[in-house]
Amino acid sequence: MIVTNCRIPDVKLLQERVFRDARGFFLESFNRERLIAAGLPGDFVQDNHSGSVCGVLRGLHYQIRQPQGKLIRVVTGEVLDVAVDVRRQSPTFGQYVSAVLSAKNGLTMWIPAG
């Protein structure tokens, strides 16, 4: 796994190794030990999957009472994913990170709780 640090230090871009051949591809989408080695939590309590048609804008995902980290990957098509630092005490408050996540580039974005 290649881990790229972003302008907001807690947000990371992850690149998994993809094995391609004539049949398609294979990648290990979750490996607890590699996430921990990258400084990310290794335990997840929930896994969601959503689909959107072209042109959809999904809302801000911010939790006050039960903050959750998010590991975001695209399996078909592509999205522009944006993380904004809304932590008032953070030195990067108000800054944002954006990346195109796609089935083709295989990037995953980690957005921490808070």
Protein backbone atom coordinates (compact mmCIF):
# COMPACT_ATOMS: atom_id res chain seq x y z
CA MET A 1 0.00 0.00 0.00
CA ILE A 2 1.25 3.47 -0.88
CA VAL A 3 0.12 6.14 1.59
CA THR A 4 0.13 9.80 0.52
CA ASN A 5 -0.19 12.49 3.16
CA CYS A 6 -2.47 15.37 2.26
CA ARG A 7 -2.46 19.08 3.13
CA ILE A 8 -4.71 18.22 6.09
CA PRO A 9 -2.33 15.82 7.90
CA ASP A 10 -5.02 13.40 9.16
CA VAL A 11 -6.45 12.86 5.65
CA LYS A 12 -4.61 10.21 3.61
CA LEU A 13 -4.79 8.85 0.07
CA LEU A 14 -4.19 5.11 -0.15
CA GLN A 15 -3.15 3.18 -3.24
CA GLU A 16 -3.60 -0.57 -3.02
CA ARG A 17 -1.70 -2.94 -5.25
CA VAL A 18 -3.96 -4.16 -8.08
CA PHE A 19 -3.28 -7.42 -9.88
CA ARG A 20 -4.69 -7.38 -13.42
CA ASP A 21 -4.90 -10.07 -16.03
CA ALA A 22 -7.18 -11.16 -18.91
CA ARG A 23 -9.92 -12.16 -16.44
CA GLY A 24 -10.06 -8.75 -14.74
CA PHE A 25 -8.39 -7.71 -11.51
CA PHE A 26 -7.89 -8.55 -7.84
CA LEU A 27 -7.05 -6.28 -4.94
CA GLU A 28 -7.04 -6.68 -1.20
CA SER A 29 -9.52 -3.99 -0.14
CA PHE A 30 -9.03 -4.38 3.61
CA ASN A 31 -5.99 -5.52 5.57
CA ARG A 32 -6.07 -4.63 9.26
CA GLU A 33 -2.32 -4.92 9.77
CA ARG A 34 -1.46 -2.65 6.81
CA LEU A 35 -3.93 0.00 7.96
CA ILE A 36 -2.44 -0.01 11.45
CA ALA A 37 1.08 0.17 9.98
CA ALA A 38 -0.06 3.24 8.00
CA GLY A 39 -1.27 4.90 11.22
CA LEU A 40 -4.98 4.32 10.57
CA PRO A 41 -7.49 2.50 12.77
CA GLY A 42 -7.58 -1.20 12.03
CA ASP A 43 -11.06 -1.88 13.35
CA PHE A 44 -14.23 -0.78 11.58
CA VAL A 45 -17.73 -1.07 12.96
CA GLN A 46 -19.67 -0.36 9.78
CA ASP A 47 -19.25 -0.79 6.01
CA ASN A 48 -21.56 1.07 3.60
CA HIS A 49 -21.90 0.96 -0.17
CA SER A 50 -23.78 3.57 -2.21
CA GLY A 51 -24.40 4.27 -5.88
CA SER A 52 -25.11 7.54 -7.65
CA VAL A 53 -26.06 8.53 -11.17
CA CYS A 54 -24.00 11.08 -13.09
CA GLY A 55 -24.21 14.65 -11.76
CA VAL A 56 -25.23 13.79 -8.19
CA LEU A 57 -23.82 15.88 -5.33
CA ARG A 58 -23.83 14.04 -2.03
CA GLY A 59 -24.05 16.01 1.21
CA LEU A 60 -21.67 16.90 3.98
CA HIS A 61 -21.01 13.96 6.28
CA TYR A 62 -20.28 15.39 9.69
CA GLN A 63 -21.17 13.83 13.02
CA ILE A 64 -21.13 15.64 16.35
CA ARG A 65 -22.37 12.95 18.75
CA GLN A 66 -20.88 9.83 17.18
CA PRO A 67 -17.95 10.86 14.96
CA GLN A 68 -16.86 8.26 12.40
CA GLY A 69 -13.80 7.93 10.24
CA LYS A 70 -14.46 7.19 6.58
CA LEU A 71 -12.55 5.01 4.13
CA ILE A 72 -13.88 5.94 0.68
CA ARG A 73 -13.33 3.95 -2.52
CA VAL A 74 -15.03 3.99 -5.92
CA VAL A 75 -15.77 0.68 -7.65
CA THR A 76 -17.45 2.00 -10.83
CA GLY A 77 -16.90 5.36 -12.49
CA GLU A 78 -15.33 8.25 -10.58
CA VAL A 79 -16.04 10.93 -7.98
CA LEU A 80 -14.43 14.14 -6.84
CA ASP A 81 -14.15 13.65 -3.09
CA VAL A 82 -13.56 16.68 -0.87
CA ALA A 83 -12.64 16.73 2.82
CA VAL A 84 -12.92 20.05 4.68
CA ASP A 85 -11.34 20.57 8.10
CA VAL A 86 -14.17 21.92 10.29
CA ARG A 87 -12.33 21.40 13.61
CA ARG A 88 -12.17 24.93 15.05
CA GLN A 89 -9.00 24.26 17.07
CA SER A 90 -7.14 22.70 14.14
CA PRO A 91 -4.24 24.56 12.49
CA THR A 92 -5.77 23.58 9.12
CA PHE A 93 -9.30 24.77 10.03
CA GLY A 94 -11.16 25.82 6.85
CA GLN A 95 -8.71 24.12 4.49
CA TYR A 96 -9.75 21.32 2.18
CA VAL A 97 -8.30 18.35 0.36
CA SER A 98 -9.77 17.01 -2.87
CA ALA A 99 -8.98 14.03 -5.05
CA VAL A 100 -10.55 12.19 -7.94
CA LEU A 101 -11.27 8.65 -6.80
CA SER A 102 -12.05 6.21 -9.57
CA ALA A 103 -12.30 2.55 -10.44
CA LYS A 104 -9.43 3.16 -12.84
CA ASN A 105 -6.93 4.87 -10.49
CA GLY A 106 -7.82 2.70 -7.47
CA LEU A 107 -7.30 5.50 -4.94
CA THR A 108 -8.97 5.34 -1.54
CA MET A 109 -9.35 8.35 0.76
CA TRP A 110 -9.19 8.11 4.55
CA ILE A 111 -11.04 10.90 6.37
CA PRO A 112 -10.68 10.69 10.16
CA ALA A 113 -13.45 11.16 12.70
CA GLY A 114 -14.10 14.81 13.48
